[in-house]
Amino acid sequence: MADSVPTNPPSQNPVSQSPVSEKPVSENIVRAEGRVGGSERAAKFGHGSRTLWFTGLSGSGKSTLAFALEEALVERGMAAYVLDGDNVRFGLNADLGFSPEDRTENIRRIGHVCRLFQDAGLIVLTAFVSPYVADREAVRALHPEGSFAEIFVDTPLDVCEARDVKGLYAKARAGEIPVFTGVSAPYEAPPRPEVNVDTSQPLSICVQQLLSFLGIDD
């Protein structure tokens, strides 16, 4: 089990005390309160919980870095899981496209999933372009103070486009994808991310940077 833990307080608020409350459509519901809190989960799992939100352009390396960090954490006996943007769109968000409104709803839904995972005691890593500052800040507001960190995978557009891992930039330039972040749609870079990662470095160095941020030393 890891000796160090993420820096959020182990006594994080339960879901029912989330700082942001969205009014449900249904009025015939009542919150059910559990009997296990954050401190009990942290004591049992051996570490605190946290949401690490990876944001950046398509091709910036978000998923690659998130999965590499997940592997490093699990190897250290920590409960970590990646929520990848494409993977989520195969299921939970299969009904959403890429309009500004759908992008906002995509992030709203996954933000609540992250909050549930974080409340369950996991270190949850996300890999979403999430181009709008307001959407990312809304997700931050769902979390107790100190339990959310924005990781800016700060890769220049020309590097992302040169990689073109999925062939999306070529399609966007050819007009086959009419709305594409970085080409025909905006990306709003984080003004004050907790971590700024340069993925032109070797992957191992990027992972070590994030482990150091979490207070985890080899």
C-alpha atoms as a PDB file:
ATOM      1  CA  MET A   1       0.000   0.000   0.000  1.00  0.00           C
ATOM      2  CA  ALA A   2       1.233   3.475  -0.807  1.00  0.00           C
ATOM      3  CA  ASP A   3       2.853   5.499   1.969  1.00  0.00           C
ATOM      4  CA  SER A   4       1.664   8.831   0.590  1.00  0.00           C
ATOM      5  CA  VAL A   5      -1.841   9.887  -0.338  1.00  0.00           C
ATOM      6  CA  PRO A   6      -3.457  12.643  -2.384  1.00  0.00           C
ATOM      7  CA  THR A   7      -3.691  15.835  -0.423  1.00  0.00           C
ATOM      8  CA  ASN A   8      -7.468  16.217  -0.088  1.00  0.00           C
ATOM      9  CA  PRO A   9      -8.709  15.998   3.507  1.00  0.00           C
ATOM     10  CA  PRO A  10      -9.813  12.446   4.392  1.00  0.00           C
ATOM     11  CA  SER A  11     -12.992  13.818   5.942  1.00  0.00           C
ATOM     12  CA  GLN A  12     -14.364  14.979   2.589  1.00  0.00           C
ATOM     13  CA  ASN A  13     -18.057  15.785   2.445  1.00  0.00           C
ATOM     14  CA  PRO A  14     -20.493  13.054   1.477  1.00  0.00           C
ATOM     15  CA  VAL A  15     -22.284  13.376  -1.838  1.00  0.00           C
ATOM     16  CA  SER A  16     -25.330  14.828  -0.109  1.00  0.00           C
ATOM     17  CA  GLN A  17     -23.229  17.832   0.961  1.00  0.00           C
ATOM     18  CA  SER A  18     -21.796  18.593  -2.465  1.00  0.00           C
ATOM     19  CA  PRO A  19     -21.242  22.358  -2.882  1.00  0.00           C
ATOM     20  CA  VAL A  20     -23.355  22.480  -6.048  1.00  0.00           C
ATOM     21  CA  SER A  21     -26.959  21.338  -6.014  1.00  0.00           C
ATOM     22  CA  GLU A  22     -28.862  20.914  -9.279  1.00  0.00           C
ATOM     23  CA  LYS A  23     -32.623  20.825  -8.877  1.00  0.00           C
ATOM     24  CA  PRO A  24     -33.984  17.473 -10.107  1.00  0.00           C
ATOM     25  CA  VAL A  25     -37.045  17.378 -12.342  1.00  0.00           C
ATOM     26  CA  SER A  26     -38.690  14.839 -10.073  1.00  0.00           C
ATOM     27  CA  GLU A  27     -39.983  16.062  -6.728  1.00  0.00           C
ATOM     28  CA  ASN A  28     -40.722  12.603  -5.348  1.00  0.00           C
ATOM     29  CA  ILE A  29     -37.180  11.729  -4.307  1.00  0.00           C
ATOM     30  CA  VAL A  30     -35.294  11.833  -1.021  1.00  0.00           C
ATOM     31  CA  ARG A  31     -31.550  11.431  -0.549  1.00  0.00           C
ATOM     32  CA  ALA A  32     -30.475   8.187   1.090  1.00  0.00           C
ATOM     33  CA  GLU A  33     -27.625   8.685   3.548  1.00  0.00           C
ATOM     34  CA  GLY A  34     -24.915   6.044   3.885  1.00  0.00           C
ATOM     35  CA  ARG A  35     -23.042   5.194   7.069  1.00  0.00           C
ATOM     36  CA  VAL A  36     -19.506   5.181   5.656  1.00  0.00           C
ATOM     37  CA  GLY A  37     -17.702   8.494   5.283  1.00  0.00           C
ATOM     38  CA  GLY A  38     -14.568   9.640   3.516  1.00  0.00           C
ATOM     39  CA  SER A  39     -12.300   9.155   6.509  1.00  0.00           C
ATOM     40  CA  GLU A  40     -13.424   5.532   6.919  1.00  0.00           C
ATOM     41  CA  ARG A  41     -12.848   4.823   3.228  1.00  0.00           C
ATOM     42  CA  ALA A  42      -9.408   6.461   3.296  1.00  0.00           C
ATOM     43  CA  ALA A  43      -8.449   4.389   6.340  1.00  0.00           C
ATOM     44  CA  LYS A  44      -9.628   1.189   4.662  1.00  0.00           C
ATOM     45  CA  PHE A  45      -8.079   1.858   1.248  1.00  0.00           C
ATOM     46  CA  GLY A  46      -4.882   3.392   2.595  1.00  0.00           C
ATOM     47  CA  HIS A  47      -5.204   6.639   0.637  1.00  0.00           C
ATOM     48  CA  GLY A  48      -7.506   9.584   0.087  1.00  0.00           C
ATOM     49  CA  SER A  49      -9.660  10.123  -2.981  1.00  0.00           C
ATOM     50  CA  ARG A  50      -9.405  12.695  -5.713  1.00  0.00           C
ATOM     51  CA  THR A  51     -10.480  13.668  -9.210  1.00  0.00           C
ATOM     52  CA  LEU A  52      -7.676  14.484 -11.636  1.00  0.00           C
ATOM     53  CA  TRP A  53      -9.196  16.185 -14.668  1.00  0.00           C
ATOM     54  CA  PHE A  54      -6.982  15.947 -17.766  1.00  0.00           C
ATOM     55  CA  THR A  55      -7.885  18.567 -20.378  1.00  0.00           C
ATOM     56  CA  GLY A  56      -6.264  19.455 -23.698  1.00  0.00           C
ATOM     57  CA  LEU A  57      -6.662  19.253 -27.447  1.00  0.00           C
ATOM     58  CA  SER A  58      -7.327  16.030 -29.296  1.00  0.00           C
ATOM     59  CA  GLY A  59      -3.961  14.328 -29.751  1.00  0.00           C
ATOM     60  CA  SER A  60      -2.387  16.113 -26.803  1.00  0.00           C
ATOM     61  CA  GLY A  61      -1.791  12.838 -24.961  1.00  0.00           C
ATOM     62  CA  LYS A  62      -4.516  12.995 -22.319  1.00  0.00           C
ATOM     63  CA  SER A  63      -5.599   9.355 -22.519  1.00  0.00           C
ATOM     64  CA  THR A  64      -2.058   8.026 -22.858  1.00  0.00           C
ATOM     65  CA  LEU A  65      -0.941   9.949 -19.790  1.00  0.00           C
ATOM     66  CA  ALA A  66      -4.054   9.159 -17.743  1.00  0.00           C
ATOM     67  CA  PHE A  67      -3.777   5.416 -18.405  1.00  0.00           C
ATOM     68  CA  ALA A  68      -0.048   5.449 -17.616  1.00  0.00           C
ATOM     69  CA  LEU A  69      -0.713   7.221 -14.318  1.00  0.00           C
ATOM     70  CA  GLU A  70      -3.537   4.788 -13.534  1.00  0.00           C
ATOM     71  CA  GLU A  71      -1.132   1.892 -14.028  1.00  0.00           C
ATOM     72  CA  ALA A  72       1.477   3.523 -11.779  1.00  0.00           C
ATOM     73  CA  LEU A  73      -1.079   4.115  -9.026  1.00  0.00           C
ATOM     74  CA  VAL A  74      -2.549   0.616  -9.175  1.00  0.00           C
ATOM     75  CA  GLU A  75       0.968  -0.859  -9.045  1.00  0.00           C
ATOM     76  CA  ARG A  76       1.341   1.008  -5.753  1.00  0.00           C
ATOM     77  CA  GLY A  77      -1.834  -0.546  -4.370  1.00  0.00           C
ATOM     78  CA  MET A  78      -4.057   2.465  -4.924  1.00  0.00           C
ATOM     79  CA  ALA A  79      -7.623   2.356  -6.260  1.00  0.00           C
ATOM     80  CA  ALA A  80      -7.551   4.381  -9.494  1.00  0.00           C
ATOM     81  CA  TYR A  81      -9.700   4.386 -12.618  1.00  0.00           C
ATOM     82  CA  VAL A  82      -9.699   6.289 -15.919  1.00  0.00           C
ATOM     83  CA  LEU A  83     -12.841   7.737 -17.464  1.00  0.00           C
ATOM     84  CA  ASP A  84     -11.932   8.315 -21.104  1.00  0.00           C
ATOM     85  CA  GLY A  85     -13.899  10.689 -23.320  1.00  0.00           C
ATOM     86  CA  ASP A  86     -14.398   8.288 -26.222  1.00  0.00           C
ATOM     87  CA  ASN A  87     -15.192   5.343 -23.957  1.00  0.00           C
ATOM     88  CA  VAL A  88     -17.919   7.265 -22.147  1.00  0.00           C
ATOM     89  CA  ARG A  89     -19.528   8.179 -25.473  1.00  0.00           C
ATOM     90  CA  PHE A  90     -19.989   4.471 -26.252  1.00  0.00           C
ATOM     91  CA  GLY A  91     -22.366   4.134 -23.311  1.00  0.00           C
ATOM     92  CA  LEU A  92     -23.462   6.766 -20.823  1.00  0.00           C
ATOM     93  CA  ASN A  93     -23.216   9.628 -23.322  1.00  0.00           C
ATOM     94  CA  ALA A  94     -23.983   7.738 -26.537  1.00  0.00           C
ATOM     95  CA  ASP A  95     -26.881  10.123 -27.170  1.00  0.00           C
ATOM     96  CA  LEU A  96     -24.667  13.223 -27.327  1.00  0.00           C
ATOM     97  CA  GLY A  97     -22.924  14.813 -30.288  1.00  0.00           C
ATOM     98  CA  PHE A  98     -20.334  17.581 -30.402  1.00  0.00           C
ATOM     99  CA  SER A  99     -22.413  20.733 -30.494  1.00  0.00           C
ATOM    100  CA  PRO A 100     -21.555  23.278 -27.760  1.00  0.00           C
ATOM    101  CA  GLU A 101     -24.699  22.249 -25.890  1.00  0.00           C
ATOM    102  CA  ASP A 102     -23.893  18.542 -26.149  1.00  0.00           C
ATOM    103  CA  ARG A 103     -20.311  19.142 -25.049  1.00  0.00           C
ATOM    104  CA  THR A 104     -21.554  20.961 -21.959  1.00  0.00           C
ATOM    105  CA  GLU A 105     -23.997  18.158 -21.143  1.00  0.00           C
ATOM    106  CA  ASN A 106     -21.258  15.580 -21.721  1.00  0.00           C
ATOM    107  CA  ILE A 107     -19.054  17.259 -19.133  1.00  0.00           C
ATOM    108  CA  ARG A 108     -21.940  17.863 -16.723  1.00  0.00           C
ATOM    109  CA  ARG A 109     -22.804  14.161 -16.666  1.00  0.00           C
ATOM    110  CA  ILE A 110     -19.253  12.943 -16.331  1.00  0.00           C
ATOM    111  CA  GLY A 111     -18.589  15.530 -13.637  1.00  0.00           C
ATOM    112  CA  HIS A 112     -21.250  13.924 -11.480  1.00  0.00           C
ATOM    113  CA  VAL A 113     -19.832  10.472 -12.202  1.00  0.00           C
ATOM    114  CA  CYS A 114     -16.407  11.713 -11.091  1.00  0.00           C
ATOM    115  CA  ARG A 115     -17.921  13.094  -7.910  1.00  0.00           C
ATOM    116  CA  LEU A 116     -19.499   9.714  -7.147  1.00  0.00           C
ATOM    117  CA  PHE A 117     -16.231   7.866  -7.822  1.00  0.00           C
ATOM    118  CA  GLN A 118     -14.338  10.338  -5.658  1.00  0.00           C
ATOM    119  CA  ASP A 119     -16.884   9.947  -2.872  1.00  0.00           C
ATOM    120  CA  ALA A 120     -16.484   6.161  -3.164  1.00  0.00           C
ATOM    121  CA  GLY A 121     -12.805   6.547  -2.261  1.00  0.00           C
ATOM    122  CA  LEU A 122     -11.175   6.238  -5.696  1.00  0.00           C
ATOM    123  CA  ILE A 123      -8.612   8.341  -7.474  1.00  0.00           C
ATOM    124  CA  VAL A 124     -10.513   9.040 -10.678  1.00  0.00           C
ATOM    125  CA  LEU A 125      -8.635  10.240 -13.759  1.00  0.00           C
ATOM    126  CA  THR A 126     -10.468  11.763 -16.708  1.00  0.00           C
ATOM    127  CA  ALA A 127      -9.394  12.351 -20.296  1.00  0.00           C
ATOM    128  CA  PHE A 128     -11.780  14.810 -21.957  1.00  0.00           C
ATOM    129  CA  VAL A 129     -11.057  17.665 -24.336  1.00  0.00           C
ATOM    130  CA  SER A 130     -13.571  19.660 -22.249  1.00  0.00           C
ATOM    131  CA  PRO A 131     -12.924  22.873 -24.198  1.00  0.00           C
ATOM    132  CA  TYR A 132     -14.866  25.340 -22.054  1.00  0.00           C
ATOM    133  CA  VAL A 133     -13.558  26.886 -18.844  1.00  0.00           C
ATOM    134  CA  ALA A 134     -17.077  27.276 -17.430  1.00  0.00           C
ATOM    135  CA  ASP A 135     -17.831  23.563 -17.820  1.00  0.00           C
ATOM    136  CA  ARG A 136     -14.611  22.526 -16.082  1.00  0.00           C
ATOM    137  CA  GLU A 137     -15.210  24.992 -13.261  1.00  0.00           C
ATOM    138  CA  ALA A 138     -18.725  23.602 -12.815  1.00  0.00           C
ATOM    139  CA  VAL A 139     -17.213  20.150 -12.294  1.00  0.00           C
ATOM    140  CA  ARG A 140     -14.702  21.561  -9.819  1.00  0.00           C
ATOM    141  CA  ALA A 141     -17.570  23.142  -7.892  1.00  0.00           C
ATOM    142  CA  LEU A 142     -19.182  19.711  -7.440  1.00  0.00           C
ATOM    143  CA  HIS A 143     -16.180  18.538  -5.425  1.00  0.00           C
ATOM    144  CA  PRO A 144     -15.115  19.333  -1.873  1.00  0.00           C
ATOM    145  CA  GLU A 145     -12.272  21.810  -1.687  1.00  0.00           C
ATOM    146  CA  GLY A 146      -8.916  20.199  -2.417  1.00  0.00           C
ATOM    147  CA  SER A 147     -10.311  17.041  -4.014  1.00  0.00           C
ATOM    148  CA  PHE A 148     -10.273  18.233  -7.645  1.00  0.00           C
ATOM    149  CA  ALA A 149      -7.209  19.062  -9.717  1.00  0.00           C
ATOM    150  CA  GLU A 150      -7.109  20.317 -13.287  1.00  0.00           C
ATOM    151  CA  ILE A 151      -4.270  18.806 -15.330  1.00  0.00           C
ATOM    152  CA  PHE A 152      -3.574  20.830 -18.467  1.00  0.00           C
ATOM    153  CA  VAL A 153      -1.958  18.611 -21.085  1.00  0.00           C
ATOM    154  CA  ASP A 154      -0.370  21.606 -22.764  1.00  0.00           C
ATOM    155  CA  THR A 155       0.530  20.380 -26.235  1.00  0.00           C
ATOM    156  CA  PRO A 156       0.630  22.913 -29.108  1.00  0.00           C
ATOM    157  CA  LEU A 157      -1.921  22.534 -31.886  1.00  0.00           C
ATOM    158  CA  ASP A 158       0.734  21.866 -34.525  1.00  0.00           C
ATOM    159  CA  VAL A 159       2.140  18.987 -32.482  1.00  0.00           C
ATOM    160  CA  CYS A 160      -1.327  17.507 -31.896  1.00  0.00           C
ATOM    161  CA  GLU A 161      -2.109  17.830 -35.577  1.00  0.00           C
ATOM    162  CA  ALA A 162       1.211  16.258 -36.586  1.00  0.00           C
ATOM    163  CA  ARG A 163       0.401  13.279 -34.395  1.00  0.00           C
ATOM    164  CA  ASP A 164      -3.223  13.078 -35.635  1.00  0.00           C
ATOM    165  CA  VAL A 165      -3.554   9.768 -33.820  1.00  0.00           C
ATOM    166  CA  LYS A 166      -7.189   9.255 -34.856  1.00  0.00           C
ATOM    167  CA  GLY A 167      -7.019  10.985 -38.236  1.00  0.00           C
ATOM    168  CA  LEU A 168      -9.464  13.613 -37.002  1.00  0.00           C
ATOM    169  CA  TYR A 169      -7.482  16.709 -37.904  1.00  0.00           C
ATOM    170  CA  ALA A 170      -7.195  15.540 -41.510  1.00  0.00           C
ATOM    171  CA  LYS A 171     -10.962  15.034 -41.638  1.00  0.00           C
ATOM    172  CA  ALA A 172     -11.551  18.439 -40.024  1.00  0.00           C
ATOM    173  CA  ARG A 173      -9.254  20.196 -42.514  1.00  0.00           C
ATOM    174  CA  ALA A 174     -11.078  18.424 -45.340  1.00  0.00           C
ATOM    175  CA  GLY A 175     -14.437  19.604 -44.030  1.00  0.00           C
ATOM    176  CA  GLU A 176     -15.589  16.092 -43.135  1.00  0.00           C
ATOM    177  CA  ILE A 177     -15.896  17.135 -39.487  1.00  0.00           C
ATOM    178  CA  PRO A 178     -17.580  20.562 -39.551  1.00  0.00           C
ATOM    179  CA  VAL A 179     -17.062  21.434 -35.871  1.00  0.00           C
ATOM    180  CA  PHE A 180     -13.709  20.372 -34.442  1.00  0.00           C
ATOM    181  CA  THR A 181     -11.912  21.842 -31.438  1.00  0.00           C
ATOM    182  CA  GLY A 182      -8.730  23.655 -32.354  1.00  0.00           C
ATOM    183  CA  VAL A 183      -9.680  23.918 -36.035  1.00  0.00           C
ATOM    184  CA  SER A 184     -13.242  25.215 -36.375  1.00  0.00           C
ATOM    185  CA  ALA A 185     -14.248  25.365 -32.704  1.00  0.00           C
ATOM    186  CA  PRO A 186     -12.528  27.067 -29.757  1.00  0.00           C
ATOM    187  CA  TYR A 187     -10.480  25.560 -26.954  1.00  0.00           C
ATOM    188  CA  GLU A 188     -10.284  27.631 -23.767  1.00  0.00           C
ATOM    189  CA  ALA A 189      -7.024  26.802 -22.004  1.00  0.00           C
ATOM    190  CA  PRO A 190      -7.089  26.614 -18.195  1.00  0.00           C
ATOM    191  CA  PRO A 191      -5.967  29.952 -16.729  1.00  0.00           C
ATOM    192  CA  ARG A 192      -4.743  28.399 -13.463  1.00  0.00           C
ATOM    193  CA  PRO A 193      -4.378  24.604 -13.698  1.00  0.00           C
ATOM    194  CA  GLU A 194      -2.961  22.739 -10.728  1.00  0.00           C
ATOM    195  CA  VAL A 195      -0.530  20.995 -13.071  1.00  0.00           C
ATOM    196  CA  ASN A 196       0.741  21.890 -16.536  1.00  0.00           C
ATOM    197  CA  VAL A 197       2.210  18.885 -18.367  1.00  0.00           C
ATOM    198  CA  ASP A 198       4.408  19.071 -21.456  1.00  0.00           C
ATOM    199  CA  THR A 199       3.951  15.781 -23.295  1.00  0.00           C
ATOM    200  CA  SER A 200       6.896  16.424 -25.577  1.00  0.00           C
ATOM    201  CA  GLN A 201       8.830  14.924 -22.667  1.00  0.00           C
ATOM    202  CA  PRO A 202       9.093  11.137 -22.237  1.00  0.00           C
ATOM    203  CA  LEU A 203       5.920   9.604 -20.803  1.00  0.00           C
ATOM    204  CA  SER A 204       7.778   8.369 -17.717  1.00  0.00           C
ATOM    205  CA  ILE A 205       8.802  11.931 -16.823  1.00  0.00           C
ATOM    206  CA  CYS A 206       5.215  13.147 -17.184  1.00  0.00           C
ATOM    207  CA  VAL A 207       3.950  10.349 -14.935  1.00  0.00           C
ATOM    208  CA  GLN A 208       6.605  11.133 -12.341  1.00  0.00           C
ATOM    209  CA  GLN A 209       5.578  14.788 -12.406  1.00  0.00           C
ATOM    210  CA  LEU A 210       2.022  13.789 -11.519  1.00  0.00           C
ATOM    211  CA  LEU A 211       3.106  11.299  -8.859  1.00  0.00           C
ATOM    212  CA  SER A 212       5.167  14.074  -7.266  1.00  0.00           C
ATOM    213  CA  PHE A 213       2.150  16.385  -7.399  1.00  0.00           C
ATOM    214  CA  LEU A 214       0.166  13.731  -5.514  1.00  0.00           C
ATOM    215  CA  GLY A 215       2.935  13.418  -2.934  1.00  0.00           C
ATOM    216  CA  ILE A 216       3.817   9.893  -4.020  1.00  0.00           C
ATOM    217  CA  ASP A 217       7.519   9.092  -4.156  1.00  0.00           C
ATOM    218  CA  ASP A 218       9.154   5.897  -5.372  1.00  0.00           C
END
